[in-house]
Protein backbone atom coordinates (compact mmCIF):
# COMPACT_ATOMS: atom_id res chain seq x y z
CA MET A 1 -1.58 36.80 17.02
CA ARG A 2 -5.18 35.65 17.03
CA ARG A 3 -7.62 38.52 17.30
CA SER A 4 -10.22 38.79 20.02
CA ARG A 5 -13.57 37.38 19.07
CA GLN A 6 -16.74 36.10 20.66
CA PHE A 7 -16.04 32.58 21.86
CA ARG A 8 -18.43 30.03 20.43
CA TYR A 9 -18.12 26.30 20.34
CA TRP A 10 -20.58 23.53 19.53
CA PHE A 11 -23.20 24.54 22.07
CA PRO A 12 -25.40 27.48 23.01
CA PHE A 13 -23.92 27.70 26.50
CA LEU A 14 -20.72 29.16 25.08
CA ALA A 15 -22.38 31.43 22.55
CA SER A 16 -22.46 34.44 24.87
CA VAL A 17 -19.06 34.00 26.53
CA THR A 18 -16.45 36.57 25.50
CA VAL A 19 -12.84 35.41 25.67
CA LEU A 20 -9.80 37.39 24.59
CA LEU A 21 -8.03 34.53 22.87
CA SER A 22 -5.04 36.70 22.12
CA ALA A 23 -4.47 36.98 25.84
CA CYS A 24 -4.54 33.21 26.18
CA SER A 25 -2.24 32.18 23.40
CA SER A 26 -42.10 29.71 11.43
CA GLY A 27 -39.45 28.18 11.32
CA GLY A 28 -39.80 27.49 7.59
CA GLY A 29 -41.83 24.32 7.45
CA ILE A 30 -42.24 22.22 4.31
CA ARG A 31 -44.24 24.18 1.77
CA SER A 32 -47.35 22.95 -0.02
CA THR A 33 -46.95 21.48 -3.49
CA ASP A 34 -48.38 24.52 -5.29
CA GLU A 35 -45.47 26.73 -4.16
CA PRO A 36 -42.09 27.06 -5.94
CA SER A 37 -39.73 24.14 -5.45
CA MET A 38 -36.05 23.31 -5.90
CA SER A 39 -36.78 21.72 -9.27
CA SER A 40 -38.70 24.75 -10.55
CA ALA A 41 -35.91 27.08 -9.41
CA ALA A 42 -33.41 25.15 -11.52
CA THR A 43 -35.01 26.40 -14.73
CA GLY A 44 -34.03 30.00 -13.96
CA ARG A 45 -30.30 29.61 -13.38
CA ALA A 46 -29.11 31.45 -16.50
CA SER A 47 -30.44 34.87 -15.46
CA ALA A 48 -30.01 34.59 -11.69
CA GLN A 49 -26.24 34.81 -11.30
CA HIS A 50 -25.52 38.37 -10.28
CA ASP A 51 -23.86 39.67 -7.12
CA ARG A 52 -26.40 40.32 -4.41
CA ALA A 53 -26.55 41.26 -0.73
CA GLY A 54 -29.89 41.91 0.91
CA VAL A 55 -33.03 40.42 2.36
CA VAL A 56 -35.24 38.00 0.43
CA ASP A 57 -38.96 37.52 1.08
CA ILE A 58 -39.43 33.81 1.80
CA GLY A 59 -43.17 34.01 2.50
CA ALA A 60 -45.29 33.89 5.66
CA GLY A 61 -44.23 37.45 6.43
CA ARG A 62 -40.58 36.49 6.81
CA GLN A 63 -37.37 37.72 5.24
CA MET A 64 -33.88 36.23 5.27
CA TYR A 65 -30.58 37.90 4.42
CA LEU A 66 -28.59 36.42 1.52
CA ALA A 67 -25.26 37.44 -0.04
CA CYS A 68 -24.00 35.83 -3.26
CA SER A 69 -21.05 36.53 -5.55
CA GLY A 70 -19.28 34.96 -8.50
CA THR A 71 -20.54 32.83 -11.34
CA GLY A 72 -20.43 29.17 -12.22
CA SER A 73 -21.87 25.84 -11.23
CA PRO A 74 -22.30 24.22 -8.78
CA THR A 75 -23.17 27.05 -6.42
CA VAL A 76 -21.43 26.80 -3.04
CA VAL A 77 -23.68 27.58 -0.06
CA LEU A 78 -21.89 28.47 3.18
CA VAL A 79 -23.83 27.51 6.32
CA SER A 80 -22.47 29.00 9.53
CA GLY A 81 -22.32 27.55 13.02
CA LEU A 82 -24.59 28.40 15.92
CA GLY A 83 -25.04 32.13 16.40
CA ASP A 84 -22.85 33.16 13.45
CA ASN A 85 -24.23 35.14 10.54
CA ALA A 86 -22.99 35.34 6.94
CA GLU A 87 -20.09 37.61 7.88
CA ILE A 88 -18.14 34.75 9.50
CA TRP A 89 -17.20 33.61 5.98
CA SER A 90 -15.95 37.10 5.05
CA THR A 91 -13.94 37.72 8.22
CA PRO A 92 -10.19 38.06 7.51
CA SER A 93 -7.81 35.65 9.18
CA ALA A 94 -5.54 37.10 11.84
CA VAL A 95 -3.30 34.05 12.11
CA ALA A 96 -2.10 33.35 8.57
CA ASP A 97 0.89 35.22 7.13
CA PRO A 98 0.59 36.29 4.38
CA GLU A 99 -3.12 36.74 4.90
CA PRO A 100 -5.13 34.55 2.50
CA PRO A 101 -8.46 35.59 1.02
CA THR A 102 -11.55 35.01 3.11
CA VAL A 103 -13.48 31.84 2.32
CA PHE A 104 -16.30 33.82 0.68
CA ALA A 105 -13.97 35.82 -1.55
CA GLY A 106 -11.75 32.86 -2.33
CA VAL A 107 -14.61 30.66 -3.48
CA ALA A 108 -16.16 33.49 -5.52
CA GLY A 109 -12.97 33.41 -7.58
CA PHE A 110 -13.83 30.03 -9.12
CA THR A 111 -17.61 29.52 -8.79
CA ARG A 112 -20.76 31.09 -7.42
CA VAL A 113 -20.95 31.30 -3.63
CA CYS A 114 -23.72 32.32 -1.22
CA ALA A 115 -23.87 32.92 2.54
CA TYR A 116 -26.88 33.87 4.64
CA ASP A 117 -28.14 34.84 8.10
CA ARG A 118 -30.30 32.38 10.01
CA PRO A 119 -32.80 33.98 12.40
CA GLY A 120 -31.27 34.85 15.74
CA THR A 121 -27.65 34.79 14.66
CA ALA A 122 -25.36 37.66 15.64
CA ASP A 123 -26.67 40.95 14.22
CA SER A 124 -28.98 38.89 12.01
CA ARG A 125 -30.79 40.71 9.24
CA SER A 126 -33.36 37.90 9.01
CA THR A 127 -36.82 37.97 10.61
CA VAL A 128 -36.78 36.82 14.23
CA VAL A 129 -38.49 33.49 14.95
CA ALA A 130 -39.24 31.53 18.10
CA GLN A 131 -36.31 29.68 19.64
CA PRO A 132 -35.04 27.05 20.14
CA THR A 133 -34.85 25.95 16.53
CA SER A 134 -33.84 22.62 15.03
CA ALA A 135 -31.62 21.49 12.18
CA GLN A 136 -34.66 20.37 10.20
CA THR A 137 -36.31 23.78 10.57
CA SER A 138 -33.06 25.43 9.51
CA ALA A 139 -32.77 23.13 6.48
CA ASP A 140 -36.35 23.95 5.48
CA ASP A 141 -35.57 27.67 5.83
CA LEU A 142 -32.52 27.27 3.61
CA GLU A 143 -34.61 25.59 0.92
CA ALA A 144 -37.21 28.36 1.10
CA LEU A 145 -34.50 31.01 0.82
CA LEU A 146 -32.72 29.47 -2.17
CA VAL A 147 -36.00 28.95 -4.03
CA ALA A 148 -37.26 32.48 -3.31
CA ALA A 149 -33.93 33.98 -4.36
CA GLY A 150 -33.83 32.00 -7.61
CA GLU A 151 -30.54 30.35 -6.70
CA ALA A 152 -30.69 27.05 -8.54
CA PRO A 153 -29.09 23.66 -7.94
CA PRO A 154 -26.78 21.87 -8.04
CA PHE A 155 -25.26 22.99 -4.74
CA VAL A 156 -22.10 22.16 -2.85
CA LEU A 157 -23.02 22.74 0.79
CA VAL A 158 -20.42 23.81 3.37
CA GLY A 159 -21.44 23.51 7.01
CA HIS A 160 -19.45 24.70 10.01
CA SER A 161 -20.28 23.30 13.47
CA TYR A 162 -24.11 23.37 13.83
CA GLY A 163 -24.21 24.02 10.08
CA GLY A 164 -23.12 20.40 9.60
CA PRO A 165 -26.45 18.86 10.67
CA ILE A 166 -28.31 21.43 8.58
CA ILE A 167 -26.53 20.55 5.35
CA ARG A 168 -26.76 16.81 6.01
CA LEU A 169 -30.54 17.02 6.40
CA PHE A 170 -30.84 19.30 3.37
CA ALA A 171 -28.81 16.87 1.23
CA ALA A 172 -30.84 13.88 2.43
CA GLU A 173 -34.09 15.63 1.43
CA HIS A 174 -32.80 17.00 -1.90
CA PRO A 175 -30.38 14.37 -3.24
CA ALA A 176 -30.79 15.48 -6.86
CA GLY A 177 -29.93 19.08 -5.98
CA VAL A 178 -26.74 18.49 -3.98
CA SER A 179 -23.46 17.55 -5.64
CA GLY A 180 -21.08 17.68 -2.67
CA LEU A 181 -20.62 18.47 1.03
CA VAL A 182 -17.83 20.02 3.09
CA LEU A 183 -18.12 19.55 6.87
CA VAL A 184 -16.03 22.06 8.81
CA ASP A 185 -15.54 20.69 12.35
CA ALA A 186 -19.21 19.78 12.20
CA LEU A 187 -21.46 18.80 15.09
CA SER A 188 -22.26 15.07 15.05
CA GLU A 189 -24.98 13.00 16.68
CA ASP A 190 -22.23 10.76 18.09
CA LEU A 191 -20.82 13.48 20.35
CA VAL A 192 -22.82 12.73 23.51
CA ALA A 193 -22.03 9.01 23.20
CA GLY A 194 -18.45 9.85 24.14
CA LEU A 195 -19.45 11.50 27.43
CA SER A 196 -20.20 9.91 30.79
CA PRO A 197 -23.82 10.11 32.00
CA GLU A 198 -22.86 12.98 34.31
CA GLN A 199 -21.04 14.83 31.54
CA ALA A 200 -23.91 14.22 29.12
CA ALA A 201 -26.32 15.61 31.72
CA LEU A 202 -24.15 18.72 32.07
CA PHE A 203 -24.05 19.03 28.29
CA GLU A 204 -27.86 19.01 28.16
CA GLU A 205 -28.13 21.42 31.11
CA LEU A 206 -25.81 23.88 29.43
CA ASN A 207 -27.90 23.81 26.27
CA ALA A 208 -30.20 26.53 27.51
CA PRO A 209 -31.21 29.63 25.54
CA PRO A 210 -28.65 32.42 25.89
CA PRO A 211 -29.74 35.63 27.59
CA ARG A 212 -30.16 37.66 24.38
CA SER A 213 -33.85 37.59 23.45
CA GLY A 214 -34.46 35.82 20.17
CA ALA A 215 -30.88 34.53 19.97
CA GLU A 216 -30.41 31.31 18.03
CA THR A 217 -30.30 28.17 20.12
CA PHE A 218 -31.27 24.55 19.60
CA ASP A 219 -32.33 21.47 21.51
CA ALA A 220 -29.44 19.04 21.16
CA ALA A 221 -31.52 15.91 21.71
CA THR A 222 -33.92 16.97 18.95
CA VAL A 223 -31.13 17.71 16.49
CA PHE A 224 -29.40 14.41 17.18
CA ALA A 225 -32.70 12.55 16.74
CA GLU A 226 -33.26 14.33 13.42
CA LEU A 227 -29.87 13.17 12.18
CA ARG A 228 -30.40 9.59 13.31
CA GLY A 229 -33.82 9.45 11.67
CA SER A 230 -32.90 11.06 8.36
CA ALA A 231 -32.38 9.35 5.03
CA PRO A 232 -28.76 8.80 3.97
CA VAL A 233 -26.83 11.60 2.33
CA PRO A 234 -26.66 10.98 -1.44
CA ASP A 235 -23.60 9.39 -3.05
CA VAL A 236 -21.66 12.63 -3.52
CA PRO A 237 -18.11 13.66 -2.57
CA VAL A 238 -17.86 14.66 1.10
CA THR A 239 -14.85 16.41 2.62
CA ILE A 240 -14.53 16.42 6.42
CA LEU A 241 -12.26 18.96 8.12
CA THR A 242 -11.52 18.40 11.82
CA ALA A 243 -9.95 20.93 14.18
CA ASP A 244 -6.73 19.74 15.80
CA ILE A 245 -6.26 22.55 18.35
CA PRO A 246 -8.59 22.53 21.39
CA GLN A 247 -10.47 25.74 22.05
CA LEU A 248 -11.17 24.97 25.70
CA THR A 249 -7.53 25.23 26.73
CA PRO A 250 -6.47 25.28 30.41
CA GLU A 251 -6.03 29.06 30.09
CA VAL A 252 -9.58 29.50 28.81
CA VAL A 253 -11.02 27.16 31.45
CA ALA A 254 -9.14 29.03 34.19
CA SER A 255 -10.29 32.43 32.89
CA GLY A 256 -13.46 32.36 35.00
CA GLN A 257 -15.58 33.27 31.98
CA LEU A 258 -17.17 29.85 31.49
CA PRO A 259 -20.37 28.56 33.13
CA PRO A 260 -20.20 26.67 36.44
CA GLY A 261 -19.31 23.02 36.00
CA VAL A 262 -17.16 23.56 32.93
CA ASP A 263 -13.87 22.51 34.48
CA GLN A 264 -10.78 21.04 32.86
CA GLY A 265 -12.08 17.50 33.29
CA PHE A 266 -15.23 18.35 31.36
CA ALA A 267 -13.22 20.22 28.72
CA ASP A 268 -10.90 17.25 28.22
CA ALA A 269 -13.82 14.82 28.01
CA LEU A 270 -15.58 17.06 25.52
CA TRP A 271 -12.48 17.22 23.33
CA ALA A 272 -12.05 13.43 23.42
CA ALA A 273 -15.74 12.94 22.58
CA GLN A 274 -15.46 15.39 19.69
CA MET A 275 -12.42 13.57 18.30
CA ALA A 276 -14.22 10.22 18.51
CA ALA A 277 -17.32 11.67 16.86
CA GLN A 278 -15.24 13.21 14.07
CA ASN A 279 -13.44 9.93 13.46
CA ALA A 280 -16.82 8.21 13.10
CA LEU A 281 -18.12 10.71 10.52
CA PRO A 282 -16.50 9.26 7.36
CA ALA A 283 -18.39 5.97 7.74
CA LYS A 284 -21.69 7.85 7.38
CA PHE A 285 -20.98 8.73 3.75
CA ALA A 286 -20.43 6.67 0.60
CA ARG A 287 -17.50 8.84 -0.53
CA SER A 288 -15.53 10.89 1.96
CA VAL A 289 -12.11 12.38 2.60
CA HIS A 290 -11.15 13.19 6.20
CA ILE A 291 -8.55 15.92 6.78
CA THR A 292 -7.34 15.93 10.38
CA ARG A 293 -4.21 18.10 10.15
CA THR A 294 -5.88 21.47 9.90
CA GLY A 295 -3.67 23.58 12.17
CA SER A 296 -6.71 25.30 13.64
CA ASP A 297 -9.20 25.37 16.46
CA HIS A 298 -12.95 25.01 15.91
CA TYR A 299 -13.08 28.00 13.54
CA ILE A 300 -11.08 26.48 10.69
CA GLN A 301 -12.52 29.04 8.24
CA LEU A 302 -10.69 31.70 10.29
CA GLY A 303 -7.65 29.74 11.46
CA ASN A 304 -6.84 28.18 8.08
CA PRO A 305 -9.10 29.73 5.43
CA GLN A 306 -6.94 28.58 2.52
CA LEU A 307 -7.42 24.96 3.58
CA VAL A 308 -11.20 25.45 3.58
CA ILE A 309 -11.08 27.14 0.16
CA ASP A 310 -8.95 24.31 -1.24
CA ALA A 311 -11.30 21.68 0.21
CA ILE A 312 -14.27 23.42 -1.38
CA ARG A 313 -12.51 23.68 -4.74
CA THR A 314 -11.60 19.99 -4.66
CA THR A 315 -15.20 19.07 -3.82
CA VAL A 316 -16.53 21.34 -6.58
CA ASP A 317 -14.13 19.77 -9.09
CA SER A 318 -15.08 16.26 -7.95
CA ALA A 319 -18.76 17.12 -8.21
CA GLY A 320 -18.35 18.24 -11.80
């Protein structure tokens, strides 16, 4: 049986909705050239690989939480979806039997792995910043964190949901430092194109900051524009995992816990748009593998963690 958990999807409007699923089934800007960089961090790899879990000073009076374990190269960096902190990658599965290792623990068994808290994510240990944020700001923050922590490239970046745009922008800006990507049911700029004008308007309306002060949210139009305007991702192996179980089921829609306007018609249209956007993702990369039979809803790292671990291992091996 799937455990109860906070229900999050691709968008902020669902970030604060609690659904018992078991019952249903400075912003870190670009730094000046005299500060440490990705290339300078690479020279310190040999002494940096120890287990860690704590906040890192990234400058400008800000700290970000980082947890790393394991040894080896490339280092895998796990980038969570909207509102999720580092713990989402260390949360045990409640659906697999026998229970597999968590993604964080499983990856630490064959290479170094890191996960972190973005500002405003659930119970975040990182310094609060103004919201909404953007994928570019989040990518810049990730660079600042990795440099400050002495975690050196090359990296295999794993992005779930909103984490997908973040790792794509990071890879486009640091092609020499990224050796592979894994997109876990990632948000795509093509999503809104699959909605009617009325549905797209509702999508934008629902992208409002959640009630919790300082909670992570983003402006969808800005994020999509950032993706469309970015340089291509480098020629590295890319694995795309797509959920094949809808999260907005009729039972969830009928629960009364969703915002006004989110009816079954909107849920069905959203699912169809997501499938179309996912099917368009492989063409954005020079080398990609698309896995569509995942046996999971949006949270594949919880619904099928072994599949995510295996996809990361394959990408790490291909990157080597």
